[in-house]
Amino acid sequence: MREPGFWHGPSSWKSHVLRPLGALYGAVAANRLRRRGLDAGVPVLCVGNYHVGGAGKTPTVLALAKLLRELGETPVVLSRGYGGKLRGPVRVDPLRHAASDVGDEPLMMASQLPVVVARQRADGVPLARSQGATVILMDDGFQNPSVAKDVSLIVIDGTRGLGNGQVFPAGPLRAPLKPQIARTDALLIVGNGTAAEAVAAEVAAQGKPVLRAHLQPDAASVASLRGHRVLAFAGIGDPARFFATLEASGIEVARRRAFADHHPFAQSEIEALVAEAARDALTLVTTEKDLARLRQAGGVPDWAHGIMPFAVTLAFDDAAHLRSFVTARLFKARERKLSEGD
């Protein structure tokens, strides 16, 4: 979906009119947060948002997977597979599945680590464990009570923050902020903006860590595009951040095309972009997530060849702090599971 402009603008009559619906939606969501979910039998680390839309969850999941592997763990990602038609549970296979089967984010991540998709997340737990998971890394699902979380790490964009701070549909929040913060174990602010500072102060006041990170462009991606004028397109939660990252990397963005998050590109749309880029001697570039959505079983179709992906990774400002936090929480989770087993 494309986020309404009034979610991130000044006070609007539209938001005011929708607040009663937001209050109802928020009451239901807050009640769901209190439910006790399935104990997965291994630690569950959930990467989530307080709000709908993008904030950097997928790069965070990949960065945490790398950290967990360095700690000797075997992480398996568990995802709902938003945008995919398969209910699962199924392990994502990049050679067999397309984004229309399992969703763009799971397909993208599956090239780097095991990913299980299950429409009902609890159904995916046994499959994740059968893949040797010592830690289940949940991509989203913070507000979903079906699986109990041992660690909930919430990601928020430092520039966008929480918009108008209202609950859906009056604003972008998935539930009232107070009960969400109460169930937060750590907050991760991505980027250098100040829009998340008020939330960070509330989280810190409860004695919970506030971590910071930034998106780091892949050196090979930057090198391959430097000196080229590009036509950049993206269908992610915050396309403007993608365009800004390109420009901050010294890449000339001659034109940009923004689509709604998880936009299902039609062949005709891509062919039109390819033709425009060829006509004006521009290089066509998009995000890894968008390119994953263009893949079909077996690879990128001929009509999408020539589109260059721009890769980014998440770099933590204090990696040692994150490492000690994750280590301590995993130890605590295992200690609790052993005591409950006795």
C-alpha atoms as a PDB file:
ATOM      1  CA  MET A   1       0.000   0.000   0.000  1.00  0.00           C
ATOM      2  CA  ARG A   2       1.062   3.621  -0.488  1.00  0.00           C
ATOM      3  CA  GLU A   3       1.010   5.515   2.782  1.00  0.00           C
ATOM      4  CA  PRO A   4      -1.362   8.503   2.894  1.00  0.00           C
ATOM      5  CA  GLY A   5       0.439  11.816   3.015  1.00  0.00           C
ATOM      6  CA  PHE A   6      -1.423  12.957   6.136  1.00  0.00           C
ATOM      7  CA  TRP A   7       0.225  10.180   8.169  1.00  0.00           C
ATOM      8  CA  HIS A   8       3.514  12.049   7.981  1.00  0.00           C
ATOM      9  CA  GLY A   9       2.310  15.633   7.726  1.00  0.00           C
ATOM     10  CA  PRO A  10       0.958  18.212  10.177  1.00  0.00           C
ATOM     11  CA  SER A  11      -2.356  17.697  11.944  1.00  0.00           C
ATOM     12  CA  SER A  12      -5.025  16.884   9.374  1.00  0.00           C
ATOM     13  CA  TRP A  13      -8.815  16.734   9.397  1.00  0.00           C
ATOM     14  CA  LYS A  14      -8.526  13.302   7.783  1.00  0.00           C
ATOM     15  CA  SER A  15      -6.595  11.986  10.745  1.00  0.00           C
ATOM     16  CA  HIS A  16      -9.075  13.586  13.144  1.00  0.00           C
ATOM     17  CA  VAL A  17     -12.064  11.979  11.393  1.00  0.00           C
ATOM     18  CA  LEU A  18     -10.393   8.547  11.456  1.00  0.00           C
ATOM     19  CA  ARG A  19      -9.359   8.630  15.121  1.00  0.00           C
ATOM     20  CA  PRO A  20     -12.449   6.742  16.374  1.00  0.00           C
ATOM     21  CA  LEU A  21     -11.600   3.893  14.003  1.00  0.00           C
ATOM     22  CA  GLY A  22      -8.005   4.124  15.151  1.00  0.00           C
ATOM     23  CA  ALA A  23      -9.118   3.847  18.781  1.00  0.00           C
ATOM     24  CA  LEU A  24     -11.118   0.704  17.985  1.00  0.00           C
ATOM     25  CA  TYR A  25      -8.318  -0.849  15.944  1.00  0.00           C
ATOM     26  CA  GLY A  26      -5.819   0.064  18.664  1.00  0.00           C
ATOM     27  CA  ALA A  27      -7.898  -1.510  21.435  1.00  0.00           C
ATOM     28  CA  VAL A  28      -8.070  -4.807  19.537  1.00  0.00           C
ATOM     29  CA  ALA A  29      -4.350  -4.690  18.733  1.00  0.00           C
ATOM     30  CA  ALA A  30      -3.386  -3.887  22.325  1.00  0.00           C
ATOM     31  CA  ASN A  31      -5.477  -6.807  23.560  1.00  0.00           C
ATOM     32  CA  ARG A  32      -3.743  -9.167  21.114  1.00  0.00           C
ATOM     33  CA  LEU A  33      -0.353  -8.043  22.405  1.00  0.00           C
ATOM     34  CA  ARG A  34      -1.222  -9.442  25.830  1.00  0.00           C
ATOM     35  CA  ARG A  35      -1.861 -12.986  24.588  1.00  0.00           C
ATOM     36  CA  ARG A  36       0.661 -15.713  25.301  1.00  0.00           C
ATOM     37  CA  GLY A  37       2.017 -17.426  22.201  1.00  0.00           C
ATOM     38  CA  LEU A  38       3.556 -20.781  21.369  1.00  0.00           C
ATOM     39  CA  ASP A  39       6.899 -21.568  23.011  1.00  0.00           C
ATOM     40  CA  ALA A  40       9.115 -22.434  20.058  1.00  0.00           C
ATOM     41  CA  GLY A  41      11.527 -24.479  22.181  1.00  0.00           C
ATOM     42  CA  VAL A  42      14.478 -22.364  20.978  1.00  0.00           C
ATOM     43  CA  PRO A  43      15.049 -18.638  21.480  1.00  0.00           C
ATOM     44  CA  VAL A  44      12.944 -16.400  19.240  1.00  0.00           C
ATOM     45  CA  LEU A  45      14.352 -13.008  18.279  1.00  0.00           C
ATOM     46  CA  CYS A  46      11.735 -10.790  16.629  1.00  0.00           C
ATOM     47  CA  VAL A  47      12.613  -7.784  14.459  1.00  0.00           C
ATOM     48  CA  GLY A  48       9.561  -5.542  14.208  1.00  0.00           C
ATOM     49  CA  ASN A  49       8.143  -2.027  13.840  1.00  0.00           C
ATOM     50  CA  TYR A  50       5.702   0.018  15.841  1.00  0.00           C
ATOM     51  CA  HIS A  51       4.159   1.141  12.552  1.00  0.00           C
ATOM     52  CA  VAL A  52       3.254  -0.022   9.065  1.00  0.00           C
ATOM     53  CA  GLY A  53       5.667   0.628   6.233  1.00  0.00           C
ATOM     54  CA  GLY A  54       9.423   0.378   5.940  1.00  0.00           C
ATOM     55  CA  ALA A  55      12.041   1.240   8.523  1.00  0.00           C
ATOM     56  CA  GLY A  56      14.909  -1.126   7.752  1.00  0.00           C
ATOM     57  CA  LYS A  57      13.712  -4.472   9.138  1.00  0.00           C
ATOM     58  CA  THR A  58      15.156  -6.632   6.356  1.00  0.00           C
ATOM     59  CA  PRO A  59      18.732  -5.240   6.557  1.00  0.00           C
ATOM     60  CA  THR A  60      18.447  -5.603  10.349  1.00  0.00           C
ATOM     61  CA  VAL A  61      17.426  -9.263  10.055  1.00  0.00           C
ATOM     62  CA  LEU A  62      20.366  -9.958   7.757  1.00  0.00           C
ATOM     63  CA  ALA A  63      22.795  -8.126  10.048  1.00  0.00           C
ATOM     64  CA  LEU A  64      21.522 -10.042  13.082  1.00  0.00           C
ATOM     65  CA  ALA A  65      21.796 -13.326  11.189  1.00  0.00           C
ATOM     66  CA  LYS A  66      25.456 -12.528  10.523  1.00  0.00           C
ATOM     67  CA  LEU A  67      26.013 -11.718  14.194  1.00  0.00           C
ATOM     68  CA  LEU A  68      24.269 -14.897  15.339  1.00  0.00           C
ATOM     69  CA  ARG A  69      26.435 -16.990  13.032  1.00  0.00           C
ATOM     70  CA  GLU A  70      29.530 -15.326  14.484  1.00  0.00           C
ATOM     71  CA  LEU A  71      28.258 -16.407  17.920  1.00  0.00           C
ATOM     72  CA  GLY A  72      28.063 -20.007  16.717  1.00  0.00           C
ATOM     73  CA  GLU A  73      24.285 -20.032  16.303  1.00  0.00           C
ATOM     74  CA  THR A  74      22.232 -21.385  13.409  1.00  0.00           C
ATOM     75  CA  PRO A  75      19.572 -18.748  12.701  1.00  0.00           C
ATOM     76  CA  VAL A  76      16.530 -19.549  10.555  1.00  0.00           C
ATOM     77  CA  VAL A  77      14.249 -16.719   9.477  1.00  0.00           C
ATOM     78  CA  LEU A  78      10.514 -17.138  10.017  1.00  0.00           C
ATOM     79  CA  SER A  79       8.302 -14.893   7.883  1.00  0.00           C
ATOM     80  CA  ARG A  80       4.634 -14.573   7.061  1.00  0.00           C
ATOM     81  CA  GLY A  81       5.618 -14.201   3.410  1.00  0.00           C
ATOM     82  CA  TYR A  82       3.676 -11.018   2.740  1.00  0.00           C
ATOM     83  CA  GLY A  83       2.668 -10.806  -0.923  1.00  0.00           C
ATOM     84  CA  GLY A  84       3.168 -14.510  -1.599  1.00  0.00           C
ATOM     85  CA  LYS A  85       0.411 -16.984  -2.443  1.00  0.00           C
ATOM     86  CA  LEU A  86       1.835 -20.028  -0.616  1.00  0.00           C
ATOM     87  CA  ARG A  87       0.394 -20.533   2.851  1.00  0.00           C
ATOM     88  CA  GLY A  88       3.262 -22.798   3.893  1.00  0.00           C
ATOM     89  CA  PRO A  89       4.984 -23.825   5.927  1.00  0.00           C
ATOM     90  CA  VAL A  90       7.648 -24.039   3.241  1.00  0.00           C
ATOM     91  CA  ARG A  91      11.371 -23.402   3.095  1.00  0.00           C
ATOM     92  CA  VAL A  92      12.078 -20.747   0.480  1.00  0.00           C
ATOM     93  CA  ASP A  93      14.078 -21.994  -2.499  1.00  0.00           C
ATOM     94  CA  PRO A  94      15.370 -19.188  -4.786  1.00  0.00           C
ATOM     95  CA  LEU A  95      15.718 -21.682  -7.646  1.00  0.00           C
ATOM     96  CA  ARG A  96      12.123 -22.853  -7.378  1.00  0.00           C
ATOM     97  CA  HIS A  97      10.122 -19.990  -5.929  1.00  0.00           C
ATOM     98  CA  ALA A  98       9.228 -16.516  -7.162  1.00  0.00           C
ATOM     99  CA  ALA A  99       8.237 -13.493  -5.079  1.00  0.00           C
ATOM    100  CA  SER A 100       4.626 -14.188  -6.043  1.00  0.00           C
ATOM    101  CA  ASP A 101       4.979 -17.510  -4.198  1.00  0.00           C
ATOM    102  CA  VAL A 102       6.739 -16.506  -0.994  1.00  0.00           C
ATOM    103  CA  GLY A 103       7.045 -12.690  -0.934  1.00  0.00           C
ATOM    104  CA  ASP A 104       9.903 -10.448  -2.007  1.00  0.00           C
ATOM    105  CA  GLU A 105      11.743 -10.112   1.318  1.00  0.00           C
ATOM    106  CA  PRO A 106      11.873 -13.871   2.073  1.00  0.00           C
ATOM    107  CA  LEU A 107      13.064 -14.564  -1.465  1.00  0.00           C
ATOM    108  CA  MET A 108      15.802 -11.958  -1.174  1.00  0.00           C
ATOM    109  CA  MET A 109      16.994 -13.241   2.217  1.00  0.00           C
ATOM    110  CA  ALA A 110      16.897 -16.903   1.146  1.00  0.00           C
ATOM    111  CA  SER A 111      20.013 -16.376  -0.961  1.00  0.00           C
ATOM    112  CA  GLN A 112      21.934 -15.814   2.294  1.00  0.00           C
ATOM    113  CA  LEU A 113      20.330 -18.034   4.948  1.00  0.00           C
ATOM    114  CA  PRO A 114      17.466 -20.490   5.532  1.00  0.00           C
ATOM    115  CA  VAL A 115      14.028 -18.831   5.405  1.00  0.00           C
ATOM    116  CA  VAL A 116      10.712 -20.452   6.312  1.00  0.00           C
ATOM    117  CA  VAL A 117       7.432 -18.915   5.198  1.00  0.00           C
ATOM    118  CA  ALA A 118       4.179 -19.702   6.974  1.00  0.00           C
ATOM    119  CA  ARG A 119       0.970 -17.684   6.767  1.00  0.00           C
ATOM    120  CA  GLN A 120       0.282 -18.821  10.339  1.00  0.00           C
ATOM    121  CA  ARG A 121       3.671 -18.213  11.912  1.00  0.00           C
ATOM    122  CA  ALA A 122       3.272 -20.873  14.610  1.00  0.00           C
ATOM    123  CA  ASP A 123       2.931 -23.486  11.859  1.00  0.00           C
ATOM    124  CA  GLY A 124       6.389 -22.583  10.624  1.00  0.00           C
ATOM    125  CA  VAL A 125       8.157 -23.231  13.944  1.00  0.00           C
ATOM    126  CA  PRO A 126       8.529 -27.036  13.524  1.00  0.00           C
ATOM    127  CA  LEU A 127       9.907 -26.591   9.993  1.00  0.00           C
ATOM    128  CA  ALA A 128      12.373 -23.945  11.184  1.00  0.00           C
ATOM    129  CA  ARG A 129      13.580 -26.283  13.909  1.00  0.00           C
ATOM    130  CA  SER A 130      13.879 -29.144  11.410  1.00  0.00           C
ATOM    131  CA  GLN A 131      16.323 -26.936   9.481  1.00  0.00           C
ATOM    132  CA  GLY A 132      18.607 -26.949  12.521  1.00  0.00           C
ATOM    133  CA  ALA A 133      17.572 -23.594  13.963  1.00  0.00           C
ATOM    134  CA  THR A 134      19.166 -22.781  17.298  1.00  0.00           C
ATOM    135  CA  VAL A 135      17.561 -19.337  17.065  1.00  0.00           C
ATOM    136  CA  ILE A 136      14.411 -18.382  15.161  1.00  0.00           C
ATOM    137  CA  LEU A 137      14.753 -14.919  13.690  1.00  0.00           C
ATOM    138  CA  MET A 138      11.270 -13.512  13.117  1.00  0.00           C
ATOM    139  CA  ASP A 139      10.971 -11.009  10.302  1.00  0.00           C
ATOM    140  CA  ASP A 140       8.087  -8.815  11.520  1.00  0.00           C
ATOM    141  CA  GLY A 141       5.283 -10.216  13.671  1.00  0.00           C
ATOM    142  CA  PHE A 142       5.892  -8.104  16.790  1.00  0.00           C
ATOM    143  CA  GLN A 143       2.152  -7.434  17.164  1.00  0.00           C
ATOM    144  CA  ASN A 144       1.221 -11.026  16.300  1.00  0.00           C
ATOM    145  CA  PRO A 145       0.822 -13.127  19.467  1.00  0.00           C
ATOM    146  CA  SER A 146       0.980 -16.608  17.899  1.00  0.00           C
ATOM    147  CA  VAL A 147       4.659 -17.226  18.737  1.00  0.00           C
ATOM    148  CA  ALA A 148       6.188 -16.154  22.046  1.00  0.00           C
ATOM    149  CA  LYS A 149       9.165 -13.823  21.628  1.00  0.00           C
ATOM    150  CA  ASP A 150      12.245 -14.000  23.835  1.00  0.00           C
ATOM    151  CA  VAL A 151      13.699 -10.793  22.395  1.00  0.00           C
ATOM    152  CA  SER A 152      11.847  -8.033  20.541  1.00  0.00           C
ATOM    153  CA  LEU A 153      14.038  -5.549  18.710  1.00  0.00           C
ATOM    154  CA  ILE A 154      12.071  -2.657  17.243  1.00  0.00           C
ATOM    155  CA  VAL A 155      13.405  -0.770  14.228  1.00  0.00           C
ATOM    156  CA  ILE A 156      12.524   2.861  13.588  1.00  0.00           C
ATOM    157  CA  ASP A 157      13.756   5.270  10.920  1.00  0.00           C
ATOM    158  CA  GLY A 158      15.523   8.272  12.393  1.00  0.00           C
ATOM    159  CA  THR A 159      14.177  10.632   9.747  1.00  0.00           C
ATOM    160  CA  ARG A 160      10.569   9.473   9.436  1.00  0.00           C
ATOM    161  CA  GLY A 161       9.928   8.494  13.049  1.00  0.00           C
ATOM    162  CA  LEU A 162       6.315   7.574  13.793  1.00  0.00           C
ATOM    163  CA  GLY A 163       4.640  10.139  11.586  1.00  0.00           C
ATOM    164  CA  ASN A 164       1.636  11.751  13.262  1.00  0.00           C
ATOM    165  CA  GLY A 165       1.735   9.187  16.091  1.00  0.00           C
ATOM    166  CA  GLN A 166      -1.836   8.022  15.507  1.00  0.00           C
ATOM    167  CA  VAL A 167      -3.078   4.439  15.259  1.00  0.00           C
ATOM    168  CA  PHE A 168      -4.116   3.015  11.891  1.00  0.00           C
ATOM    169  CA  PRO A 169      -6.075   4.173   9.895  1.00  0.00           C
ATOM    170  CA  ALA A 170      -5.667   7.654  11.423  1.00  0.00           C
ATOM    171  CA  GLY A 171      -1.893   7.197  11.336  1.00  0.00           C
ATOM    172  CA  PRO A 172       0.804   4.587  10.811  1.00  0.00           C
ATOM    173  CA  LEU A 173       0.912   2.956  14.272  1.00  0.00           C
ATOM    174  CA  ARG A 174      -0.088  -0.716  14.381  1.00  0.00           C
ATOM    175  CA  ALA A 175      -1.169  -0.420  18.027  1.00  0.00           C
ATOM    176  CA  PRO A 176      -1.106   2.258  20.743  1.00  0.00           C
ATOM    177  CA  LEU A 177       2.476   3.194  21.491  1.00  0.00           C
ATOM    178  CA  LYS A 178       2.516   2.608  25.266  1.00  0.00           C
ATOM    179  CA  PRO A 179       1.749  -1.149  25.227  1.00  0.00           C
ATOM    180  CA  GLN A 180       4.160  -1.585  22.317  1.00  0.00           C
ATOM    181  CA  ILE A 181       6.991   0.071  24.229  1.00  0.00           C
ATOM    182  CA  ALA A 182       6.182  -2.080  27.261  1.00  0.00           C
ATOM    183  CA  ARG A 183       6.930  -5.196  25.189  1.00  0.00           C
ATOM    184  CA  THR A 184      10.050  -3.775  23.556  1.00  0.00           C
ATOM    185  CA  ASP A 185      13.406  -5.203  24.635  1.00  0.00           C
ATOM    186  CA  ALA A 186      15.564  -2.840  22.564  1.00  0.00           C
ATOM    187  CA  LEU A 187      15.069  -0.024  20.068  1.00  0.00           C
ATOM    188  CA  LEU A 188      17.176   0.366  16.944  1.00  0.00           C
ATOM    189  CA  ILE A 189      17.247   3.770  15.256  1.00  0.00           C
ATOM    190  CA  VAL A 190      18.387   3.649  11.627  1.00  0.00           C
ATOM    191  CA  GLY A 191      19.850   6.843  10.177  1.00  0.00           C
ATOM    192  CA  ASN A 192      20.891  10.219  11.524  1.00  0.00           C
ATOM    193  CA  GLY A 193      17.565  12.042  11.774  1.00  0.00           C
ATOM    194  CA  THR A 194      16.040  13.230  15.049  1.00  0.00           C
ATOM    195  CA  ALA A 195      12.408  12.164  14.480  1.00  0.00           C
ATOM    196  CA  ALA A 196      12.782   9.114  16.752  1.00  0.00           C
ATOM    197  CA  GLU A 197      14.355  10.870  19.735  1.00  0.00           C
ATOM    198  CA  ALA A 198      11.125  11.223  21.740  1.00  0.00           C
ATOM    199  CA  VAL A 199      10.405   7.498  21.400  1.00  0.00           C
ATOM    200  CA  ALA A 200      14.031   6.692  22.208  1.00  0.00           C
ATOM    201  CA  ALA A 201      13.742   8.697  25.432  1.00  0.00           C
ATOM    202  CA  GLU A 202      10.641   6.718  26.468  1.00  0.00           C
ATOM    203  CA  VAL A 203      12.350   3.406  25.781  1.00  0.00           C
ATOM    204  CA  ALA A 204      15.530   4.464  27.593  1.00  0.00           C
ATOM    205  CA  ALA A 205      13.465   5.655  30.580  1.00  0.00           C
ATOM    206  CA  GLN A 206      12.337   2.035  31.030  1.00  0.00           C
ATOM    207  CA  GLY A 207      15.959   0.908  31.239  1.00  0.00           C
ATOM    208  CA  LYS A 208      15.999  -0.650  27.780  1.00  0.00           C
ATOM    209  CA  PRO A 209      18.864  -0.162  25.328  1.00  0.00           C
ATOM    210  CA  VAL A 210      18.613   2.237  22.415  1.00  0.00           C
ATOM    211  CA  LEU A 211      20.919   1.150  19.598  1.00  0.00           C
ATOM    212  CA  ARG A 212      21.835   3.073  16.474  1.00  0.00           C
ATOM    213  CA  ALA A 213      22.831   2.020  12.978  1.00  0.00           C
ATOM    214  CA  HIS A 214      23.074   3.303   9.433  1.00  0.00           C
ATOM    215  CA  LEU A 215      22.677   1.833   5.986  1.00  0.00           C
ATOM    216  CA  GLN A 216      25.999   1.294   4.287  1.00  0.00           C
ATOM    217  CA  PRO A 217      26.057   1.052   0.484  1.00  0.00           C
ATOM    218  CA  ASP A 218      27.824  -1.970  -0.939  1.00  0.00           C
ATOM    219  CA  ALA A 219      31.185  -0.879  -2.336  1.00  0.00           C
ATOM    220  CA  ALA A 220      30.809  -2.985  -5.480  1.00  0.00           C
ATOM    221  CA  SER A 221      27.368  -1.505  -6.191  1.00  0.00           C
ATOM    222  CA  VAL A 222      28.696   2.026  -5.810  1.00  0.00           C
ATOM    223  CA  ALA A 223      31.698   1.334  -8.025  1.00  0.00           C
ATOM    224  CA  SER A 224      29.554  -0.155 -10.787  1.00  0.00           C
ATOM    225  CA  LEU A 225      27.263   2.892 -10.890  1.00  0.00           C
ATOM    226  CA  ARG A 226      29.677   5.745 -10.313  1.00  0.00           C
ATOM    227  CA  GLY A 227      29.992   7.892 -13.402  1.00  0.00           C
ATOM    228  CA  HIS A 228      26.605   6.754 -14.718  1.00  0.00           C
ATOM    229  CA  ARG A 229      23.437   8.823 -14.812  1.00  0.00           C
ATOM    230  CA  VAL A 230      20.698   6.589 -13.452  1.00  0.00           C
ATOM    231  CA  LEU A 231      16.960   6.145 -13.594  1.00  0.00           C
ATOM    232  CA  ALA A 232      16.170   4.831 -10.115  1.00  0.00           C
ATOM    233  CA  PHE A 233      12.906   3.103  -9.229  1.00  0.00           C
ATOM    234  CA  ALA A 234      11.686   1.465  -6.046  1.00  0.00           C
ATOM    235  CA  GLY A 235       8.552  -0.045  -4.563  1.00  0.00           C
ATOM    236  CA  ILE A 236       9.553  -0.144  -0.900  1.00  0.00           C
ATOM    237  CA  GLY A 237       8.275   1.454   2.290  1.00  0.00           C
ATOM    238  CA  ASP A 238      10.411   4.579   1.842  1.00  0.00           C
ATOM    239  CA  PRO A 239      11.597   5.049  -1.763  1.00  0.00           C
ATOM    240  CA  ALA A 240      12.930   8.526  -0.927  1.00  0.00           C
ATOM    241  CA  ARG A 241      15.528   6.972   1.379  1.00  0.00           C
ATOM    242  CA  PHE A 242      16.738   4.765  -1.467  1.00  0.00           C
ATOM    243  CA  PHE A 243      17.094   7.746  -3.802  1.00  0.00           C
ATOM    244  CA  ALA A 244      18.889   9.743  -1.102  1.00  0.00           C
ATOM    245  CA  THR A 245      21.296   6.865  -0.440  1.00  0.00           C
ATOM    246  CA  LEU A 246      22.190   6.728  -4.120  1.00  0.00           C
ATOM    247  CA  GLU A 247      22.896  10.467  -4.218  1.00  0.00           C
ATOM    248  CA  ALA A 248      24.862  10.358  -0.972  1.00  0.00           C
ATOM    249  CA  SER A 249      27.033   7.688  -2.608  1.00  0.00           C
ATOM    250  CA  GLY A 250      27.973  10.095  -5.400  1.00  0.00           C
ATOM    251  CA  ILE A 251      25.616   8.607  -7.988  1.00  0.00           C
ATOM    252  CA  GLU A 252      23.736  11.025 -10.239  1.00  0.00           C
ATOM    253  CA  VAL A 253      20.022  10.255 -10.072  1.00  0.00           C
ATOM    254  CA  ALA A 254      18.661  11.787 -13.260  1.00  0.00           C
ATOM    255  CA  ARG A 255      15.144  10.430 -12.751  1.00  0.00           C
ATOM    256  CA  ARG A 256      13.267   8.601 -10.036  1.00  0.00           C
ATOM    257  CA  ARG A 257      10.094   6.542  -9.965  1.00  0.00           C
ATOM    258  CA  ALA A 258       8.426   5.696  -6.632  1.00  0.00           C
ATOM    259  CA  PHE A 259       5.891   2.887  -6.308  1.00  0.00           C
ATOM    260  CA  ALA A 260       3.895   1.580  -3.354  1.00  0.00           C
ATOM    261  CA  ASP A 261       5.555  -0.884  -0.969  1.00  0.00           C
ATOM    262  CA  HIS A 262       5.614  -4.438  -2.397  1.00  0.00           C
ATOM    263  CA  HIS A 263       4.307  -3.131  -5.727  1.00  0.00           C
ATOM    264  CA  PRO A 264       3.700  -6.089  -8.093  1.00  0.00           C
ATOM    265  CA  PHE A 265       5.434  -4.843 -11.212  1.00  0.00           C
ATOM    266  CA  ALA A 266       3.781  -5.745 -14.495  1.00  0.00           C
ATOM    267  CA  GLN A 267       5.963  -6.682 -17.440  1.00  0.00           C
ATOM    268  CA  SER A 268       4.663  -3.639 -19.316  1.00  0.00           C
ATOM    269  CA  GLU A 269       5.791  -1.297 -16.517  1.00  0.00           C
ATOM    270  CA  ILE A 270       9.302  -2.685 -16.535  1.00  0.00           C
ATOM    271  CA  GLU A 271       9.509  -2.641 -20.322  1.00  0.00           C
ATOM    272  CA  ALA A 272       8.495   1.030 -20.261  1.00  0.00           C
ATOM    273  CA  LEU A 273      11.233   1.819 -17.718  1.00  0.00           C
ATOM    274  CA  VAL A 274      13.811  -0.122 -19.728  1.00  0.00           C
ATOM    275  CA  ALA A 275      12.797   1.746 -22.912  1.00  0.00           C
ATOM    276  CA  GLU A 276      12.964   5.139 -21.188  1.00  0.00           C
ATOM    277  CA  ALA A 277      16.401   4.395 -19.766  1.00  0.00           C
ATOM    278  CA  ALA A 278      17.712   3.206 -23.156  1.00  0.00           C
ATOM    279  CA  ARG A 279      16.271   6.235 -24.961  1.00  0.00           C
ATOM    280  CA  ASP A 280      17.958   8.726 -22.644  1.00  0.00           C
ATOM    281  CA  ALA A 281      21.201   6.800 -22.037  1.00  0.00           C
ATOM    282  CA  LEU A 282      20.399   6.155 -18.367  1.00  0.00           C
ATOM    283  CA  THR A 283      21.308   3.136 -16.266  1.00  0.00           C
ATOM    284  CA  LEU A 284      18.289   1.497 -14.650  1.00  0.00           C
ATOM    285  CA  VAL A 285      18.806   0.766 -10.943  1.00  0.00           C
ATOM    286  CA  THR A 286      16.588  -0.531  -8.166  1.00  0.00           C
ATOM    287  CA  THR A 287      16.769  -2.130  -4.715  1.00  0.00           C
ATOM    288  CA  GLU A 288      17.603  -5.779  -4.095  1.00  0.00           C
ATOM    289  CA  LYS A 289      14.099  -6.262  -2.748  1.00  0.00           C
ATOM    290  CA  ASP A 290      12.520  -4.875  -5.911  1.00  0.00           C
ATOM    291  CA  LEU A 291      14.746  -7.008  -8.103  1.00  0.00           C
ATOM    292  CA  ALA A 292      13.720 -10.075  -6.088  1.00  0.00           C
ATOM    293  CA  ARG A 293      10.109  -9.234  -6.923  1.00  0.00           C
ATOM    294  CA  LEU A 294      10.963  -9.335 -10.626  1.00  0.00           C
ATOM    295  CA  ARG A 295      12.531 -12.778 -10.409  1.00  0.00           C
ATOM    296  CA  GLN A 296      10.672 -15.779 -11.652  1.00  0.00           C
ATOM    297  CA  ALA A 297      11.505 -19.375 -10.778  1.00  0.00           C
ATOM    298  CA  GLY A 298      15.005 -19.810 -12.145  1.00  0.00           C
ATOM    299  CA  GLY A 299      16.019 -16.164 -12.417  1.00  0.00           C
ATOM    300  CA  VAL A 300      15.303 -12.729 -13.848  1.00  0.00           C
ATOM    301  CA  PRO A 301      13.219 -12.831 -17.066  1.00  0.00           C
ATOM    302  CA  ASP A 302      14.640 -11.460 -20.313  1.00  0.00           C
ATOM    303  CA  TRP A 303      12.424  -8.374 -20.184  1.00  0.00           C
ATOM    304  CA  ALA A 304      14.024  -7.337 -16.869  1.00  0.00           C
ATOM    305  CA  HIS A 305      17.652  -7.933 -17.814  1.00  0.00           C
ATOM    306  CA  GLY A 306      19.981  -4.979 -17.512  1.00  0.00           C
ATOM    307  CA  ILE A 307      18.458  -3.645 -14.281  1.00  0.00           C
ATOM    308  CA  MET A 308      21.209  -3.139 -11.727  1.00  0.00           C
ATOM    309  CA  PRO A 309      20.556  -3.835  -8.038  1.00  0.00           C
ATOM    310  CA  PHE A 310      21.925  -1.421  -5.439  1.00  0.00           C
ATOM    311  CA  ALA A 311      22.864  -3.378  -2.339  1.00  0.00           C
ATOM    312  CA  VAL A 312      23.080  -1.981   1.182  1.00  0.00           C
ATOM    313  CA  THR A 313      23.991  -3.503   4.534  1.00  0.00           C
ATOM    314  CA  LEU A 314      23.277  -2.311   8.046  1.00  0.00           C
ATOM    315  CA  ALA A 315      26.247  -1.148  10.116  1.00  0.00           C
ATOM    316  CA  PHE A 316      25.773  -0.774  13.884  1.00  0.00           C
ATOM    317  CA  ASP A 317      27.340   2.231  15.574  1.00  0.00           C
ATOM    318  CA  ASP A 318      28.194   0.125  18.651  1.00  0.00           C
ATOM    319  CA  ALA A 319      28.456  -3.475  17.480  1.00  0.00           C
ATOM    320  CA  ALA A 320      29.970  -4.586  20.797  1.00  0.00           C
ATOM    321  CA  HIS A 321      26.916  -3.334  22.700  1.00  0.00           C
ATOM    322  CA  LEU A 322      24.584  -5.214  20.352  1.00  0.00           C
ATOM    323  CA  ARG A 323      26.681  -8.364  20.653  1.00  0.00           C
ATOM    324  CA  SER A 324      26.612  -8.306  24.457  1.00  0.00           C
ATOM    325  CA  PHE A 325      22.859  -7.581  24.466  1.00  0.00           C
ATOM    326  CA  VAL A 326      22.051 -10.492  22.138  1.00  0.00           C
ATOM    327  CA  THR A 327      24.372 -12.871  24.004  1.00  0.00           C
ATOM    328  CA  ALA A 328      22.820 -12.011  27.368  1.00  0.00           C
ATOM    329  CA  ARG A 329      19.243 -12.331  26.111  1.00  0.00           C
ATOM    330  CA  LEU A 330      19.895 -15.694  24.457  1.00  0.00           C
ATOM    331  CA  PHE A 331      21.447 -16.986  27.665  1.00  0.00           C
ATOM    332  CA  LYS A 332      18.474 -15.727  29.675  1.00  0.00           C
ATOM    333  CA  ALA A 333      15.998 -17.315  27.237  1.00  0.00           C
ATOM    334  CA  ARG A 334      17.708 -20.702  27.412  1.00  0.00           C
ATOM    335  CA  GLU A 335      17.971 -20.526  31.177  1.00  0.00           C
ATOM    336  CA  ARG A 336      14.224 -19.857  31.414  1.00  0.00           C
ATOM    337  CA  LYS A 337      13.345 -22.666  29.043  1.00  0.00           C
ATOM    338  CA  LEU A 338      15.453 -25.118  31.070  1.00  0.00           C
ATOM    339  CA  SER A 339      13.825 -24.056  34.340  1.00  0.00           C
ATOM    340  CA  GLU A 340      10.347 -24.343  32.863  1.00  0.00           C
ATOM    341  CA  GLY A 341      11.254 -27.765  31.467  1.00  0.00           C
ATOM    342  CA  ASP A 342      12.178 -28.927  34.954  1.00  0.00           C
END
